[in-house]
N, C-alpha and C. Protein backbone atom coordinates (compact mmCIF):
# COMPACT_ATOMS: atom_id res chain seq x y z
N VAL A 1 0.84 -1.19 0.00
CA VAL A 1 0.00 0.00 0.00
C VAL A 1 0.89 1.25 0.00
N LEU A 2 1.94 1.24 0.80
CA LEU A 2 2.84 2.39 0.85
C LEU A 2 3.47 2.64 -0.51
N PHE A 3 3.92 1.57 -1.17
CA PHE A 3 4.53 1.69 -2.49
C PHE A 3 3.56 2.32 -3.49
N VAL A 4 2.32 1.87 -3.50
CA VAL A 4 1.31 2.40 -4.41
C VAL A 4 1.08 3.88 -4.12
N GLY A 5 1.03 4.24 -2.84
CA GLY A 5 0.85 5.64 -2.46
C GLY A 5 1.99 6.51 -2.92
N ILE A 6 3.22 6.05 -2.77
CA ILE A 6 4.39 6.81 -3.20
C ILE A 6 4.39 6.96 -4.72
N ALA A 7 4.09 5.88 -5.43
CA ALA A 7 4.05 5.93 -6.90
C ALA A 7 2.98 6.92 -7.37
N ALA A 8 1.83 6.90 -6.75
CA ALA A 8 0.76 7.83 -7.13
C ALA A 8 1.17 9.27 -6.85
N TRP A 9 1.83 9.51 -5.72
CA TRP A 9 2.29 10.85 -5.38
C TRP A 9 3.31 11.34 -6.40
N GLN A 10 4.25 10.47 -6.81
CA GLN A 10 5.25 10.86 -7.79
C GLN A 10 4.61 11.25 -9.11
N MET A 11 3.60 10.51 -9.55
CA MET A 11 2.95 10.82 -10.80
C MET A 11 2.23 12.17 -10.71
N ARG A 12 1.61 12.45 -9.57
CA ARG A 12 0.92 13.74 -9.41
C ARG A 12 1.91 14.89 -9.33
N SER A 13 3.09 14.63 -8.79
CA SER A 13 4.06 15.70 -8.62
C SER A 13 4.88 15.95 -9.87
N GLY A 14 4.56 15.26 -10.96
CA GLY A 14 5.26 15.49 -12.20
C GLY A 14 6.53 14.69 -12.35
N ALA A 15 6.78 13.71 -11.50
CA ALA A 15 7.97 12.89 -11.62
C ALA A 15 7.93 12.15 -12.95
N ASN A 16 9.02 12.19 -13.67
CA ASN A 16 9.09 11.54 -14.97
C ASN A 16 9.99 10.33 -14.85
N PRO A 17 9.47 9.12 -15.16
CA PRO A 17 10.28 7.91 -14.99
C PRO A 17 11.54 7.91 -15.84
N ALA A 18 11.53 8.50 -17.02
CA ALA A 18 12.74 8.55 -17.84
C ALA A 18 13.81 9.41 -17.17
N ILE A 19 13.37 10.45 -16.48
CA ILE A 19 14.31 11.32 -15.78
C ILE A 19 14.79 10.65 -14.49
N ALA A 20 13.87 10.04 -13.76
CA ALA A 20 14.21 9.44 -12.48
C ALA A 20 15.21 8.30 -12.63
N ASN A 21 15.20 7.60 -13.74
CA ASN A 21 16.06 6.44 -13.93
C ASN A 21 17.30 6.75 -14.76
N SER A 22 17.75 8.01 -14.72
CA SER A 22 18.92 8.39 -15.51
C SER A 22 19.81 9.32 -14.70
N THR A 23 21.05 9.46 -15.17
CA THR A 23 22.03 10.32 -14.52
C THR A 23 22.22 11.58 -15.33
N ALA A 24 22.05 12.73 -14.68
CA ALA A 24 22.19 14.01 -15.38
C ALA A 24 23.65 14.36 -15.60
N ILE A 25 23.95 14.81 -16.83
CA ILE A 25 25.26 15.35 -17.14
C ILE A 25 25.02 16.63 -17.95
N THR A 26 26.05 17.43 -18.09
CA THR A 26 25.94 18.66 -18.87
C THR A 26 26.19 18.36 -20.35
N ALA A 27 25.84 19.32 -21.18
CA ALA A 27 26.12 19.19 -22.62
C ALA A 27 27.62 19.09 -22.86
N GLU A 28 28.42 19.79 -22.06
CA GLU A 28 29.87 19.72 -22.18
C GLU A 28 30.38 18.32 -21.82
N GLN A 29 29.83 17.73 -20.76
CA GLN A 29 30.20 16.37 -20.38
C GLN A 29 29.78 15.37 -21.45
N LEU A 30 28.63 15.59 -22.08
CA LEU A 30 28.18 14.70 -23.15
C LEU A 30 29.21 14.68 -24.27
N GLU A 31 29.71 15.85 -24.62
CA GLU A 31 30.70 15.89 -25.69
C GLU A 31 32.04 15.29 -25.23
N ASP A 32 32.48 15.60 -24.02
CA ASP A 32 33.76 15.08 -23.52
C ASP A 32 33.73 13.56 -23.35
N GLN A 33 32.67 13.05 -22.72
CA GLN A 33 32.60 11.63 -22.38
C GLN A 33 32.09 10.75 -23.52
N TYR A 34 31.16 11.30 -24.33
CA TYR A 34 30.50 10.47 -25.34
C TYR A 34 30.69 10.97 -26.77
N GLY A 35 31.42 12.04 -26.98
CA GLY A 35 31.69 12.50 -28.33
C GLY A 35 30.48 12.94 -29.12
N VAL A 36 29.47 13.51 -28.42
CA VAL A 36 28.24 13.97 -29.06
C VAL A 36 27.97 15.40 -28.65
N ARG A 37 27.74 16.27 -29.64
CA ARG A 37 27.39 17.66 -29.38
C ARG A 37 25.93 17.88 -29.82
N LEU A 38 25.08 18.23 -28.86
CA LEU A 38 23.69 18.54 -29.20
C LEU A 38 23.64 19.90 -29.86
N ASP A 39 22.89 19.98 -30.96
CA ASP A 39 22.79 21.24 -31.68
C ASP A 39 21.51 21.99 -31.35
N VAL A 40 20.35 21.33 -31.49
CA VAL A 40 19.09 22.04 -31.30
C VAL A 40 17.96 21.05 -31.08
N VAL A 41 16.99 21.49 -30.29
CA VAL A 41 15.70 20.80 -30.21
C VAL A 41 14.70 21.82 -30.71
N GLY A 42 14.07 21.52 -31.83
CA GLY A 42 13.19 22.49 -32.43
C GLY A 42 11.85 21.93 -32.85
N LEU A 43 10.85 22.78 -32.79
CA LEU A 43 9.52 22.42 -33.29
C LEU A 43 9.51 22.60 -34.80
N ILE A 44 8.99 21.60 -35.49
CA ILE A 44 8.84 21.68 -36.95
C ILE A 44 7.45 21.18 -37.31
N ALA A 45 7.10 21.23 -38.58
CA ALA A 45 5.80 20.74 -39.06
C ALA A 45 4.65 21.37 -38.28
N SER A 46 4.64 22.69 -38.22
CA SER A 46 3.60 23.46 -37.51
C SER A 46 3.46 23.04 -36.05
N GLY A 47 4.58 22.63 -35.43
CA GLY A 47 4.56 22.25 -34.02
C GLY A 47 4.17 20.81 -33.76
N GLY A 48 3.94 20.04 -34.81
CA GLY A 48 3.53 18.65 -34.63
C GLY A 48 4.67 17.68 -34.41
N LEU A 49 5.90 18.12 -34.70
CA LEU A 49 7.08 17.28 -34.52
C LEU A 49 8.17 18.07 -33.81
N LEU A 50 9.01 17.34 -33.09
CA LEU A 50 10.22 17.90 -32.53
C LEU A 50 11.39 17.24 -33.23
N GLU A 51 12.38 18.05 -33.55
CA GLU A 51 13.58 17.54 -34.20
C GLU A 51 14.76 17.78 -33.25
N LEU A 52 15.49 16.71 -32.95
CA LEU A 52 16.70 16.81 -32.15
C LEU A 52 17.87 16.61 -33.10
N LYS A 53 18.71 17.65 -33.24
CA LYS A 53 19.88 17.57 -34.11
C LYS A 53 21.13 17.45 -33.23
N PHE A 54 22.07 16.63 -33.70
CA PHE A 54 23.33 16.49 -32.97
C PHE A 54 24.45 16.15 -33.93
N GLN A 55 25.67 16.38 -33.47
CA GLN A 55 26.85 16.08 -34.27
C GLN A 55 27.77 15.16 -33.47
N VAL A 56 28.37 14.21 -34.14
CA VAL A 56 29.32 13.30 -33.52
C VAL A 56 30.71 13.92 -33.66
N THR A 57 31.38 14.13 -32.53
CA THR A 57 32.73 14.67 -32.54
C THR A 57 33.78 13.59 -32.30
N ASP A 58 33.36 12.43 -31.77
CA ASP A 58 34.26 11.30 -31.56
C ASP A 58 33.44 10.01 -31.72
N ALA A 59 33.58 9.37 -32.86
CA ALA A 59 32.77 8.20 -33.19
C ALA A 59 32.98 7.05 -32.21
N ASP A 60 34.20 6.85 -31.74
CA ASP A 60 34.46 5.75 -30.81
C ASP A 60 33.69 5.95 -29.51
N LYS A 61 33.67 7.16 -28.98
CA LYS A 61 32.95 7.45 -27.75
C LYS A 61 31.43 7.39 -27.97
N ALA A 62 30.97 7.88 -29.10
CA ALA A 62 29.53 7.94 -29.38
C ALA A 62 28.92 6.55 -29.50
N THR A 63 29.68 5.58 -29.97
CA THR A 63 29.18 4.22 -30.12
C THR A 63 28.68 3.68 -28.78
N ALA A 64 29.36 4.00 -27.70
CA ALA A 64 28.95 3.53 -26.38
C ALA A 64 27.61 4.13 -25.95
N LEU A 65 27.34 5.34 -26.38
CA LEU A 65 26.10 6.01 -25.98
C LEU A 65 24.89 5.45 -26.70
N PHE A 66 25.00 5.24 -28.01
CA PHE A 66 23.84 4.85 -28.78
C PHE A 66 23.57 3.35 -28.79
N GLY A 67 24.54 2.54 -28.45
CA GLY A 67 24.33 1.11 -28.22
C GLY A 67 23.45 0.41 -29.22
N ALA A 68 22.53 -0.40 -28.68
CA ALA A 68 21.68 -1.25 -29.50
C ALA A 68 20.51 -0.48 -30.09
N PRO A 69 20.01 -0.93 -31.25
CA PRO A 69 18.88 -0.23 -31.89
C PRO A 69 17.63 -0.14 -31.01
N GLU A 70 17.43 -1.06 -30.09
CA GLU A 70 16.24 -0.99 -29.24
C GLU A 70 16.34 0.09 -28.15
N ASP A 71 17.51 0.66 -27.98
CA ASP A 71 17.72 1.71 -26.98
C ASP A 71 17.58 3.09 -27.63
N MET A 72 16.38 3.39 -28.11
CA MET A 72 16.16 4.66 -28.78
C MET A 72 16.17 5.81 -27.78
N PRO A 73 16.81 6.92 -28.13
CA PRO A 73 16.77 8.10 -27.27
C PRO A 73 15.35 8.64 -27.16
N VAL A 74 15.03 9.21 -26.01
CA VAL A 74 13.72 9.82 -25.80
C VAL A 74 13.91 11.26 -25.37
N LEU A 75 12.84 12.03 -25.49
CA LEU A 75 12.80 13.38 -24.93
C LEU A 75 11.79 13.35 -23.79
N ALA A 76 12.25 13.61 -22.59
CA ALA A 76 11.38 13.67 -21.42
C ALA A 76 10.98 15.13 -21.21
N VAL A 77 9.69 15.38 -21.18
CA VAL A 77 9.19 16.73 -20.98
C VAL A 77 9.32 17.05 -19.50
N GLU A 78 10.15 18.02 -19.18
CA GLU A 78 10.40 18.34 -17.78
C GLU A 78 9.14 18.89 -17.12
N ASP A 79 9.01 18.68 -15.83
CA ASP A 79 7.85 19.09 -15.04
C ASP A 79 6.57 18.37 -15.48
N SER A 80 6.72 17.19 -16.06
CA SER A 80 5.56 16.37 -16.41
C SER A 80 6.01 14.91 -16.45
N ASP A 81 5.06 14.04 -16.70
CA ASP A 81 5.41 12.63 -16.82
C ASP A 81 5.45 12.19 -18.29
N ARG A 82 5.40 13.13 -19.22
CA ARG A 82 5.39 12.80 -20.65
C ARG A 82 6.79 12.45 -21.14
N VAL A 83 6.84 11.39 -21.94
CA VAL A 83 8.07 10.97 -22.59
C VAL A 83 7.77 10.86 -24.08
N LEU A 84 8.47 11.63 -24.88
CA LEU A 84 8.27 11.61 -26.32
C LEU A 84 9.24 10.62 -26.94
N ARG A 85 8.69 9.74 -27.75
CA ARG A 85 9.48 8.68 -28.38
C ARG A 85 9.39 8.81 -29.90
N THR A 86 10.35 8.23 -30.58
CA THR A 86 10.26 8.17 -32.03
C THR A 86 9.08 7.27 -32.39
N PRO A 87 8.58 7.34 -33.62
CA PRO A 87 7.40 6.54 -33.99
C PRO A 87 7.59 5.05 -33.71
N ASN A 88 6.47 4.39 -33.34
CA ASN A 88 6.51 2.95 -33.08
C ASN A 88 7.14 2.20 -34.24
N GLY A 89 7.95 1.25 -33.88
CA GLY A 89 8.57 0.42 -34.91
C GLY A 89 9.85 0.99 -35.48
N MET A 90 10.11 2.28 -35.23
CA MET A 90 11.33 2.88 -35.76
C MET A 90 12.49 2.52 -34.84
N LYS A 91 13.49 1.96 -35.39
CA LYS A 91 14.70 1.63 -34.63
C LYS A 91 15.87 2.32 -35.31
N HIS A 92 16.82 2.76 -34.52
CA HIS A 92 17.96 3.42 -35.14
C HIS A 92 19.08 2.41 -35.36
N SER A 93 19.75 2.58 -36.41
CA SER A 93 20.94 1.80 -36.71
C SER A 93 21.90 2.79 -37.34
N LEU A 94 22.53 3.56 -36.49
CA LEU A 94 23.39 4.64 -36.97
C LEU A 94 24.75 4.09 -37.37
N THR A 95 25.22 4.56 -38.50
CA THR A 95 26.63 4.38 -38.84
C THR A 95 27.29 5.63 -38.31
N ILE A 96 27.95 5.49 -37.19
CA ILE A 96 28.48 6.66 -36.49
C ILE A 96 29.83 7.04 -37.07
N LEU A 97 29.91 8.28 -37.56
CA LEU A 97 31.11 8.79 -38.21
C LEU A 97 31.55 10.09 -37.55
N ASP A 98 32.85 10.28 -37.41
CA ASP A 98 33.38 11.54 -36.89
C ASP A 98 32.92 12.70 -37.75
N GLY A 99 32.40 13.74 -37.11
CA GLY A 99 32.00 14.95 -37.81
C GLY A 99 30.63 14.90 -38.47
N ALA A 100 29.98 13.74 -38.45
CA ALA A 100 28.67 13.62 -39.10
C ALA A 100 27.58 14.23 -38.23
N SER A 101 26.55 14.75 -38.90
CA SER A 101 25.38 15.31 -38.21
C SER A 101 24.22 14.34 -38.36
N TYR A 102 23.39 14.25 -37.32
CA TYR A 102 22.26 13.32 -37.29
C TYR A 102 21.05 14.04 -36.70
N PHE A 103 19.89 13.40 -36.83
CA PHE A 103 18.69 13.94 -36.19
C PHE A 103 17.73 12.81 -35.86
N PHE A 104 16.90 13.06 -34.86
CA PHE A 104 15.78 12.19 -34.51
C PHE A 104 14.52 13.04 -34.54
N LEU A 105 13.41 12.44 -34.94
CA LEU A 105 12.12 13.12 -34.96
C LEU A 105 11.21 12.50 -33.91
N TYR A 106 10.46 13.35 -33.21
CA TYR A 106 9.53 12.93 -32.17
C TYR A 106 8.18 13.58 -32.41
N ALA A 107 7.11 12.80 -32.30
CA ALA A 107 5.76 13.37 -32.39
C ALA A 107 5.49 14.20 -31.14
N ASN A 108 4.92 15.35 -31.32
CA ASN A 108 4.55 16.22 -30.21
C ASN A 108 3.17 15.79 -29.71
N VAL A 109 3.13 14.68 -29.02
CA VAL A 109 1.89 14.05 -28.57
C VAL A 109 1.11 15.00 -27.67
N ALA A 110 -0.18 15.16 -27.98
CA ALA A 110 -1.09 15.99 -27.19
C ALA A 110 -0.57 17.42 -27.04
N ASN A 111 0.21 17.88 -28.02
CA ASN A 111 0.75 19.24 -27.99
C ASN A 111 1.45 19.51 -26.65
N SER A 112 2.26 18.53 -26.22
CA SER A 112 2.92 18.57 -24.91
C SER A 112 4.01 19.62 -24.81
N VAL A 113 4.59 19.99 -25.95
CA VAL A 113 5.75 20.86 -25.95
C VAL A 113 5.46 22.09 -26.80
N HIS A 114 5.90 23.23 -26.30
CA HIS A 114 5.75 24.51 -27.01
C HIS A 114 7.11 25.19 -27.07
N GLU A 115 7.22 26.22 -27.86
CA GLU A 115 8.46 27.00 -27.87
C GLU A 115 8.75 27.46 -26.45
N GLY A 116 9.98 27.25 -26.00
CA GLY A 116 10.38 27.63 -24.65
C GLY A 116 10.23 26.52 -23.62
N SER A 117 9.55 25.42 -23.96
CA SER A 117 9.44 24.28 -23.04
C SER A 117 10.81 23.71 -22.76
N GLN A 118 10.95 23.07 -21.62
CA GLN A 118 12.19 22.42 -21.23
C GLN A 118 12.03 20.91 -21.38
N VAL A 119 12.98 20.27 -22.07
CA VAL A 119 12.98 18.82 -22.23
C VAL A 119 14.36 18.30 -21.85
N ALA A 120 14.41 17.00 -21.60
CA ALA A 120 15.68 16.33 -21.32
C ALA A 120 15.89 15.27 -22.38
N PHE A 121 17.08 15.21 -22.94
CA PHE A 121 17.48 14.16 -23.86
C PHE A 121 17.97 13.00 -23.01
N VAL A 122 17.37 11.81 -23.19
CA VAL A 122 17.71 10.65 -22.36
C VAL A 122 18.02 9.46 -23.26
N VAL A 123 19.19 8.87 -23.06
CA VAL A 123 19.57 7.67 -23.81
C VAL A 123 20.50 6.82 -22.94
N ASN A 124 20.21 5.55 -22.85
CA ASN A 124 21.04 4.59 -22.11
C ASN A 124 21.43 5.07 -20.71
N GLY A 125 20.46 5.62 -19.99
CA GLY A 125 20.69 6.01 -18.61
C GLY A 125 21.40 7.34 -18.43
N VAL A 126 21.65 8.04 -19.52
CA VAL A 126 22.30 9.36 -19.47
C VAL A 126 21.26 10.41 -19.85
N ARG A 127 21.27 11.52 -19.13
CA ARG A 127 20.28 12.57 -19.35
C ARG A 127 20.96 13.94 -19.43
N ILE A 128 20.58 14.70 -20.46
CA ILE A 128 21.00 16.09 -20.56
C ILE A 128 19.75 16.92 -20.33
N PRO A 129 19.61 17.50 -19.14
CA PRO A 129 18.38 18.21 -18.78
C PRO A 129 18.37 19.65 -19.28
N HIS A 130 17.19 20.25 -19.16
CA HIS A 130 16.99 21.69 -19.36
C HIS A 130 17.33 22.18 -20.78
N LEU A 131 16.98 21.37 -21.77
CA LEU A 131 17.15 21.82 -23.15
C LEU A 131 15.90 22.63 -23.52
N THR A 132 16.11 23.82 -24.01
CA THR A 132 14.99 24.69 -24.35
C THR A 132 14.56 24.44 -25.80
N VAL A 133 13.27 24.19 -25.98
CA VAL A 133 12.73 23.93 -27.31
C VAL A 133 12.62 25.25 -28.06
N MET A 134 13.14 25.24 -29.29
CA MET A 134 13.12 26.43 -30.13
C MET A 134 12.09 26.23 -31.26
N LYS A 135 11.75 27.30 -31.89
CA LYS A 135 10.82 27.21 -33.02
C LYS A 135 11.56 27.40 -34.31
């Protein structure tokens, strides 16, 4: 009963499971440790999609971050329990190259994100919080 009560309280307080089960690092640490530089999180397609752009600065380090195709990166909407995922069935199989630029697309489910919203990029237990969505 106590566990159920705590879980219900976390959901009401906006706790996001993708955020709770990950370790926060800075964008600088992401580049130093994993060879990935985040470029932008932007609304496209009249606000119906979010695009996350990034560049690989060290392919050897980036391979550890992106791992298996079933470990798709998500965008966790901060101050809510919403987690935006790539479309069902889409799996990534990146050929990771030094200096290459990549992107992921996410459906803006229920218009959860607006210009200025804060999201966290989460992949394989690593989280880069407080990314501001641009238009």
